[in-house]
Amino acid sequence: MKRLGLEKILALLFGLVVASISLAASLGWGNRYLVKLHQIPGGDLAGHFLLVGGLSLVATLAFVDRQSVRPRRDWYRVMVVLGALLTLDELLQSFLPLRSFSLRDLGANYLGITLFSAFGWIWIGRSWRGTGQKAGAKTGC
């Protein structure tokens, strides 16, 4: 059984923070902060982009295995899983009285996932180059 490393624990904690923010908004907790965010032009979209993008970056760095035979497959999985979970979250908002479904929010989520995950992929690629190994190369013990 694989050990749960610090990177994965941090990614899961970040995911819990994002889920907690969504839950708090659904229950009406912290509305005074959300109202202030909505008063800033583009604040809500920037919040979606940065929060989800940050989660995507951390998840990419944590769950894309640098020693995997197919690291690109792992990268796609991270993006698909995050995209599916955040799409579900946005769709569920259409059934909640304090929330509403927004294609703009969903688009900001997708953009954050794509750009920040791509940044994580580039970051991982640079770390491979720094070790002199190719992506997917196995190291001997």
N, C-alpha and C. Protein backbone atom coordinates (compact mmCIF):
# COMPACT_ATOMS: atom_id res chain seq x y z
N MET A 1 0.84 -1.18 0.00
CA MET A 1 0.00 0.00 0.00
C MET A 1 0.89 1.24 0.00
N LYS A 2 0.54 2.20 -0.87
CA LYS A 2 1.33 3.42 -0.95
C LYS A 2 1.05 4.32 0.25
N ARG A 3 2.08 5.03 0.67
CA ARG A 3 1.93 5.98 1.77
C ARG A 3 1.34 7.27 1.24
N LEU A 4 0.59 7.93 2.08
CA LEU A 4 0.02 9.21 1.72
C LEU A 4 1.04 10.28 2.08
N GLY A 5 1.69 10.85 1.05
CA GLY A 5 2.74 11.83 1.26
C GLY A 5 2.19 13.20 1.65
N LEU A 6 3.09 14.07 2.06
CA LEU A 6 2.72 15.41 2.49
C LEU A 6 2.03 16.18 1.37
N GLU A 7 2.51 16.04 0.12
CA GLU A 7 1.89 16.74 -1.00
C GLU A 7 0.42 16.34 -1.15
N LYS A 8 0.14 15.05 -1.03
CA LYS A 8 -1.23 14.57 -1.18
C LYS A 8 -2.10 15.04 -0.02
N ILE A 9 -1.54 15.04 1.17
CA ILE A 9 -2.31 15.52 2.33
C ILE A 9 -2.65 17.00 2.16
N LEU A 10 -1.69 17.80 1.70
CA LEU A 10 -1.95 19.23 1.46
C LEU A 10 -2.99 19.43 0.37
N ALA A 11 -2.93 18.63 -0.69
CA ALA A 11 -3.92 18.73 -1.76
C ALA A 11 -5.31 18.38 -1.24
N LEU A 12 -5.41 17.34 -0.44
CA LEU A 12 -6.71 16.96 0.13
C LEU A 12 -7.23 18.03 1.08
N LEU A 13 -6.34 18.62 1.88
CA LEU A 13 -6.76 19.70 2.78
C LEU A 13 -7.24 20.92 2.00
N PHE A 14 -6.55 21.26 0.92
CA PHE A 14 -6.96 22.37 0.07
C PHE A 14 -8.33 22.07 -0.52
N GLY A 15 -8.54 20.82 -0.94
CA GLY A 15 -9.85 20.41 -1.45
C GLY A 15 -10.93 20.55 -0.41
N LEU A 16 -10.62 20.22 0.83
CA LEU A 16 -11.59 20.40 1.93
C LEU A 16 -11.90 21.87 2.16
N VAL A 17 -10.90 22.73 2.02
CA VAL A 17 -11.13 24.17 2.16
C VAL A 17 -12.09 24.66 1.09
N VAL A 18 -11.86 24.25 -0.16
CA VAL A 18 -12.74 24.66 -1.26
C VAL A 18 -14.15 24.13 -1.03
N ALA A 19 -14.27 22.87 -0.62
CA ALA A 19 -15.59 22.29 -0.35
C ALA A 19 -16.27 22.99 0.82
N SER A 20 -15.49 23.36 1.83
CA SER A 20 -16.06 24.07 2.99
C SER A 20 -16.58 25.45 2.60
N ILE A 21 -15.87 26.13 1.72
CA ILE A 21 -16.32 27.44 1.25
C ILE A 21 -17.64 27.29 0.50
N SER A 22 -17.74 26.28 -0.35
CA SER A 22 -18.97 26.04 -1.10
C SER A 22 -20.13 25.69 -0.16
N LEU A 23 -19.85 24.85 0.82
CA LEU A 23 -20.88 24.47 1.80
C LEU A 23 -21.33 25.68 2.62
N ALA A 24 -20.37 26.49 3.06
CA ALA A 24 -20.71 27.68 3.85
C ALA A 24 -21.59 28.64 3.04
N ALA A 25 -21.27 28.81 1.77
CA ALA A 25 -22.08 29.67 0.91
C ALA A 25 -23.48 29.09 0.73
N SER A 26 -23.57 27.78 0.61
CA SER A 26 -24.87 27.12 0.44
C SER A 26 -25.74 27.27 1.68
N LEU A 27 -25.12 27.31 2.85
CA LEU A 27 -25.86 27.43 4.11
C LEU A 27 -26.05 28.88 4.55
N GLY A 28 -25.47 29.81 3.79
CA GLY A 28 -25.62 31.23 4.12
C GLY A 28 -24.63 31.72 5.17
N TRP A 29 -23.63 30.93 5.48
CA TRP A 29 -22.62 31.34 6.45
C TRP A 29 -21.60 32.22 5.75
N GLY A 30 -21.17 33.25 6.40
CA GLY A 30 -20.14 34.13 5.86
C GLY A 30 -20.63 34.99 4.71
N ASN A 31 -21.94 35.24 4.65
CA ASN A 31 -22.48 36.02 3.54
C ASN A 31 -21.91 37.43 3.47
N ARG A 32 -21.55 37.99 4.62
CA ARG A 32 -21.02 39.36 4.58
C ARG A 32 -19.71 39.42 3.79
N TYR A 33 -18.92 38.35 3.83
CA TYR A 33 -17.68 38.31 3.05
C TYR A 33 -17.98 38.07 1.57
N LEU A 34 -18.93 37.20 1.31
CA LEU A 34 -19.27 36.92 -0.08
C LEU A 34 -19.91 38.13 -0.76
N VAL A 35 -20.71 38.88 -0.01
CA VAL A 35 -21.31 40.09 -0.57
C VAL A 35 -20.21 41.07 -0.96
N LYS A 36 -19.20 41.21 -0.12
CA LYS A 36 -18.08 42.11 -0.45
C LYS A 36 -17.34 41.63 -1.69
N LEU A 37 -17.18 40.33 -1.82
CA LEU A 37 -16.52 39.78 -2.99
C LEU A 37 -17.33 40.07 -4.25
N HIS A 38 -18.65 39.94 -4.15
CA HIS A 38 -19.52 40.19 -5.30
C HIS A 38 -19.57 41.67 -5.66
N GLN A 39 -19.28 42.55 -4.73
CA GLN A 39 -19.30 43.99 -5.01
C GLN A 39 -18.10 44.43 -5.86
N ILE A 40 -17.04 43.68 -5.82
CA ILE A 40 -15.85 43.99 -6.63
C ILE A 40 -16.14 43.53 -8.06
N PRO A 41 -15.96 44.40 -9.05
CA PRO A 41 -16.20 43.97 -10.44
C PRO A 41 -15.33 42.76 -10.80
N GLY A 42 -15.97 41.68 -11.16
CA GLY A 42 -15.25 40.45 -11.51
C GLY A 42 -14.74 39.68 -10.29
N GLY A 43 -15.09 40.12 -9.11
CA GLY A 43 -14.57 39.48 -7.89
C GLY A 43 -14.98 38.03 -7.75
N ASP A 44 -16.25 37.75 -8.06
CA ASP A 44 -16.73 36.37 -7.95
C ASP A 44 -16.00 35.47 -8.93
N LEU A 45 -15.85 35.93 -10.16
CA LEU A 45 -15.16 35.11 -11.17
C LEU A 45 -13.68 34.95 -10.83
N ALA A 46 -13.06 36.02 -10.35
CA ALA A 46 -11.66 35.92 -9.94
C ALA A 46 -11.51 34.95 -8.78
N GLY A 47 -12.46 34.98 -7.86
CA GLY A 47 -12.44 34.04 -6.74
C GLY A 47 -12.51 32.60 -7.21
N HIS A 48 -13.44 32.32 -8.14
CA HIS A 48 -13.54 30.97 -8.70
C HIS A 48 -12.24 30.59 -9.39
N PHE A 49 -11.74 31.46 -10.24
CA PHE A 49 -10.53 31.19 -11.02
C PHE A 49 -9.34 30.89 -10.10
N LEU A 50 -9.12 31.75 -9.10
CA LEU A 50 -7.94 31.59 -8.25
C LEU A 50 -8.07 30.44 -7.27
N LEU A 51 -9.25 30.28 -6.67
CA LEU A 51 -9.43 29.21 -5.69
C LEU A 51 -9.35 27.83 -6.36
N VAL A 52 -10.10 27.67 -7.45
CA VAL A 52 -10.10 26.39 -8.16
C VAL A 52 -8.75 26.18 -8.86
N GLY A 53 -8.18 27.25 -9.40
CA GLY A 53 -6.87 27.13 -10.02
C GLY A 53 -5.82 26.70 -9.02
N GLY A 54 -5.85 27.29 -7.83
CA GLY A 54 -4.90 26.89 -6.79
C GLY A 54 -5.06 25.43 -6.41
N LEU A 55 -6.31 24.99 -6.31
CA LEU A 55 -6.58 23.58 -6.02
C LEU A 55 -6.03 22.70 -7.14
N SER A 56 -6.22 23.13 -8.37
CA SER A 56 -5.73 22.36 -9.52
C SER A 56 -4.21 22.26 -9.52
N LEU A 57 -3.54 23.35 -9.21
CA LEU A 57 -2.08 23.34 -9.15
C LEU A 57 -1.59 22.38 -8.07
N VAL A 58 -2.15 22.50 -6.89
CA VAL A 58 -1.73 21.63 -5.78
C VAL A 58 -2.03 20.17 -6.09
N ALA A 59 -3.21 19.91 -6.67
CA ALA A 59 -3.57 18.52 -7.01
C ALA A 59 -2.65 17.97 -8.10
N THR A 60 -2.31 18.79 -9.07
CA THR A 60 -1.40 18.34 -10.13
C THR A 60 -0.04 17.98 -9.54
N LEU A 61 0.49 18.85 -8.70
CA LEU A 61 1.80 18.58 -8.10
C LEU A 61 1.76 17.36 -7.17
N ALA A 62 0.61 17.12 -6.55
CA ALA A 62 0.52 16.02 -5.59
C ALA A 62 0.21 14.67 -6.25
N PHE A 63 -0.64 14.67 -7.27
CA PHE A 63 -1.15 13.40 -7.79
C PHE A 63 -0.59 12.99 -9.15
N VAL A 64 0.18 13.85 -9.80
CA VAL A 64 0.84 13.43 -11.04
C VAL A 64 2.17 12.82 -10.63
N ASP A 65 2.27 11.52 -10.80
CA ASP A 65 3.44 10.76 -10.35
C ASP A 65 4.60 10.99 -11.31
N ARG A 66 5.65 11.57 -10.80
CA ARG A 66 6.82 11.89 -11.62
C ARG A 66 7.51 10.64 -12.16
N GLN A 67 7.30 9.53 -11.51
CA GLN A 67 7.95 8.29 -11.93
C GLN A 67 6.99 7.36 -12.68
N SER A 68 5.81 7.85 -12.96
CA SER A 68 4.80 7.03 -13.64
C SER A 68 5.23 6.72 -15.07
N VAL A 69 4.76 5.60 -15.58
CA VAL A 69 5.02 5.24 -16.97
C VAL A 69 4.27 6.21 -17.88
N ARG A 70 3.11 6.69 -17.45
CA ARG A 70 2.29 7.61 -18.24
C ARG A 70 1.89 8.82 -17.38
N PRO A 71 2.82 9.72 -17.14
CA PRO A 71 2.48 10.87 -16.29
C PRO A 71 1.43 11.78 -16.92
N ARG A 72 1.38 11.84 -18.24
CA ARG A 72 0.38 12.69 -18.89
C ARG A 72 -1.04 12.18 -18.59
N ARG A 73 -1.19 10.87 -18.53
CA ARG A 73 -2.49 10.27 -18.17
C ARG A 73 -2.90 10.70 -16.77
N ASP A 74 -1.96 10.70 -15.84
CA ASP A 74 -2.25 11.14 -14.48
C ASP A 74 -2.69 12.60 -14.47
N TRP A 75 -2.02 13.41 -15.29
CA TRP A 75 -2.35 14.84 -15.39
C TRP A 75 -3.76 15.03 -15.91
N TYR A 76 -4.12 14.30 -16.96
CA TYR A 76 -5.48 14.39 -17.50
C TYR A 76 -6.51 13.95 -16.45
N ARG A 77 -6.19 12.91 -15.71
CA ARG A 77 -7.11 12.43 -14.67
C ARG A 77 -7.38 13.51 -13.63
N VAL A 78 -6.34 14.20 -13.20
CA VAL A 78 -6.51 15.28 -12.22
C VAL A 78 -7.48 16.32 -12.77
N MET A 79 -7.27 16.73 -14.02
CA MET A 79 -8.14 17.75 -14.61
C MET A 79 -9.58 17.26 -14.77
N VAL A 80 -9.74 16.01 -15.20
CA VAL A 80 -11.09 15.46 -15.41
C VAL A 80 -11.83 15.31 -14.08
N VAL A 81 -11.15 14.80 -13.06
CA VAL A 81 -11.79 14.62 -11.75
C VAL A 81 -12.20 15.98 -11.16
N LEU A 82 -11.28 16.95 -11.20
CA LEU A 82 -11.63 18.28 -10.69
C LEU A 82 -12.77 18.90 -11.49
N GLY A 83 -12.70 18.78 -12.81
CA GLY A 83 -13.76 19.33 -13.65
C GLY A 83 -15.10 18.70 -13.35
N ALA A 84 -15.13 17.38 -13.18
CA ALA A 84 -16.38 16.69 -12.89
C ALA A 84 -16.94 17.09 -11.52
N LEU A 85 -16.08 17.14 -10.51
CA LEU A 85 -16.55 17.52 -9.16
C LEU A 85 -17.08 18.95 -9.13
N LEU A 86 -16.39 19.85 -9.80
CA LEU A 86 -16.81 21.25 -9.78
C LEU A 86 -18.03 21.49 -10.66
N THR A 87 -18.18 20.70 -11.71
CA THR A 87 -19.42 20.77 -12.51
C THR A 87 -20.60 20.29 -11.67
N LEU A 88 -20.41 19.20 -10.95
CA LEU A 88 -21.46 18.69 -10.07
C LEU A 88 -21.82 19.73 -9.00
N ASP A 89 -20.81 20.36 -8.42
CA ASP A 89 -21.05 21.39 -7.41
C ASP A 89 -21.89 22.53 -8.00
N GLU A 90 -21.52 22.97 -9.19
CA GLU A 90 -22.24 24.08 -9.82
C GLU A 90 -23.66 23.67 -10.20
N LEU A 91 -23.85 22.45 -10.68
CA LEU A 91 -25.20 21.97 -11.02
C LEU A 91 -26.08 21.84 -9.79
N LEU A 92 -25.50 21.37 -8.69
CA LEU A 92 -26.28 21.24 -7.46
C LEU A 92 -26.76 22.60 -6.94
N GLN A 93 -26.03 23.66 -7.27
CA GLN A 93 -26.42 24.99 -6.81
C GLN A 93 -27.77 25.42 -7.38
N SER A 94 -28.16 24.87 -8.52
CA SER A 94 -29.45 25.24 -9.10
C SER A 94 -30.62 24.73 -8.26
N PHE A 95 -30.36 23.78 -7.36
CA PHE A 95 -31.41 23.23 -6.52
C PHE A 95 -31.41 23.83 -5.10
N LEU A 96 -30.46 24.68 -4.80
CA LEU A 96 -30.33 25.25 -3.46
C LEU A 96 -30.90 26.66 -3.42
N PRO A 97 -31.66 26.98 -2.38
CA PRO A 97 -32.33 28.29 -2.34
C PRO A 97 -31.39 29.49 -2.25
N LEU A 98 -30.24 29.35 -1.62
CA LEU A 98 -29.33 30.48 -1.46
C LEU A 98 -28.28 30.56 -2.57
N ARG A 99 -28.33 29.65 -3.52
CA ARG A 99 -27.31 29.60 -4.58
C ARG A 99 -27.99 29.62 -5.94
N SER A 100 -27.20 29.83 -6.96
CA SER A 100 -27.73 29.78 -8.32
C SER A 100 -26.64 29.25 -9.26
N PHE A 101 -27.08 28.53 -10.28
CA PHE A 101 -26.18 27.99 -11.28
C PHE A 101 -25.68 29.13 -12.17
N SER A 102 -24.40 29.12 -12.51
CA SER A 102 -23.84 30.15 -13.37
C SER A 102 -22.82 29.54 -14.32
N LEU A 103 -23.09 29.73 -15.62
CA LEU A 103 -22.12 29.27 -16.62
C LEU A 103 -20.82 30.06 -16.54
N ARG A 104 -20.91 31.31 -16.12
CA ARG A 104 -19.69 32.13 -15.98
C ARG A 104 -18.81 31.57 -14.87
N ASP A 105 -19.42 31.20 -13.75
CA ASP A 105 -18.65 30.59 -12.66
C ASP A 105 -18.02 29.27 -13.12
N LEU A 106 -18.80 28.48 -13.85
CA LEU A 106 -18.29 27.21 -14.34
C LEU A 106 -17.14 27.43 -15.32
N GLY A 107 -17.27 28.43 -16.18
CA GLY A 107 -16.19 28.77 -17.11
C GLY A 107 -14.93 29.22 -16.38
N ALA A 108 -15.10 30.03 -15.32
CA ALA A 108 -13.95 30.47 -14.53
C ALA A 108 -13.29 29.27 -13.85
N ASN A 109 -14.11 28.31 -13.39
CA ASN A 109 -13.57 27.08 -12.80
C ASN A 109 -12.74 26.31 -13.82
N TYR A 110 -13.31 26.11 -15.02
CA TYR A 110 -12.60 25.36 -16.06
C TYR A 110 -11.31 26.05 -16.47
N LEU A 111 -11.36 27.38 -16.59
CA LEU A 111 -10.17 28.13 -16.96
C LEU A 111 -9.09 27.99 -15.88
N GLY A 112 -9.50 28.08 -14.62
CA GLY A 112 -8.55 27.90 -13.51
C GLY A 112 -7.94 26.51 -13.51
N ILE A 113 -8.78 25.49 -13.73
CA ILE A 113 -8.28 24.12 -13.77
C ILE A 113 -7.25 23.98 -14.90
N THR A 114 -7.60 24.47 -16.07
CA THR A 114 -6.74 24.29 -17.24
C THR A 114 -5.41 25.02 -17.10
N LEU A 115 -5.48 26.31 -16.77
CA LEU A 115 -4.25 27.10 -16.72
C LEU A 115 -3.34 26.72 -15.56
N PHE A 116 -3.90 26.56 -14.37
CA PHE A 116 -3.06 26.24 -13.21
C PHE A 116 -2.53 24.81 -13.29
N SER A 117 -3.32 23.89 -13.85
CA SER A 117 -2.84 22.53 -14.02
C SER A 117 -1.73 22.49 -15.06
N ALA A 118 -1.87 23.29 -16.11
CA ALA A 118 -0.80 23.38 -17.12
C ALA A 118 0.48 23.94 -16.50
N PHE A 119 0.33 24.94 -15.63
CA PHE A 119 1.48 25.47 -14.92
C PHE A 119 2.14 24.39 -14.07
N GLY A 120 1.32 23.57 -13.39
CA GLY A 120 1.85 22.46 -12.60
C GLY A 120 2.57 21.44 -13.46
N TRP A 121 2.01 21.17 -14.65
CA TRP A 121 2.64 20.23 -15.58
C TRP A 121 4.01 20.74 -16.03
N ILE A 122 4.07 22.04 -16.33
CA ILE A 122 5.35 22.65 -16.73
C ILE A 122 6.34 22.58 -15.57
N TRP A 123 5.87 22.86 -14.36
CA TRP A 123 6.71 22.82 -13.18
C TRP A 123 7.29 21.41 -12.99
N ILE A 124 6.44 20.40 -13.14
CA ILE A 124 6.89 19.02 -13.01
C ILE A 124 7.91 18.69 -14.09
N GLY A 125 7.65 19.15 -15.33
CA GLY A 125 8.59 18.91 -16.43
C GLY A 125 9.95 19.51 -16.16
N ARG A 126 9.96 20.69 -15.56
CA ARG A 126 11.25 21.33 -15.23
C ARG A 126 11.99 20.53 -14.15
N SER A 127 11.24 19.95 -13.22
CA SER A 127 11.91 19.16 -12.18
C SER A 127 12.50 17.89 -12.78
N TRP A 128 11.86 17.33 -13.82
CA TRP A 128 12.43 16.16 -14.50
C TRP A 128 13.72 16.54 -15.21
N ARG A 129 13.69 17.69 -15.90
CA ARG A 129 14.89 18.12 -16.61
C ARG A 129 16.04 18.36 -15.64
N GLY A 130 15.71 18.85 -14.45
CA GLY A 130 16.74 19.14 -13.46
C GLY A 130 17.42 17.89 -12.94
N THR A 131 16.71 16.75 -13.03
CA THR A 131 17.31 15.50 -12.55
C THR A 131 18.01 14.74 -13.65
N GLY A 132 17.84 15.21 -14.90
CA GLY A 132 18.46 14.52 -16.03
C GLY A 132 17.69 13.31 -16.48
N GLN A 133 16.48 13.08 -15.92
CA GLN A 133 15.65 11.96 -16.30
C GLN A 133 14.58 12.40 -17.26
N LYS A 134 14.06 11.46 -18.00
CA LYS A 134 12.92 11.73 -18.86
C LYS A 134 11.66 11.43 -18.08
N ALA A 135 10.57 12.08 -18.49
CA ALA A 135 9.27 11.80 -17.87
C ALA A 135 8.95 10.34 -18.06
N GLY A 136 8.53 9.70 -16.99
CA GLY A 136 8.16 8.30 -17.04
C GLY A 136 9.32 7.34 -16.82
N ALA A 137 10.53 7.86 -16.67
CA ALA A 137 11.68 6.99 -16.44
C ALA A 137 11.65 6.46 -15.01
N LYS A 138 11.87 5.18 -14.90
CA LYS A 138 11.93 4.55 -13.56
C LYS A 138 13.34 4.67 -13.02
N THR A 139 13.41 4.90 -11.72
CA THR A 139 14.72 4.98 -11.09
C THR A 139 14.97 3.69 -10.31
N GLY A 140 16.16 3.22 -10.32
CA GLY A 140 16.52 2.02 -9.58
C GLY A 140 16.81 2.32 -8.12
N CYS A 141 16.56 1.35 -7.27
CA CYS A 141 16.84 1.53 -5.84
C CYS A 141 18.03 0.71 -5.44
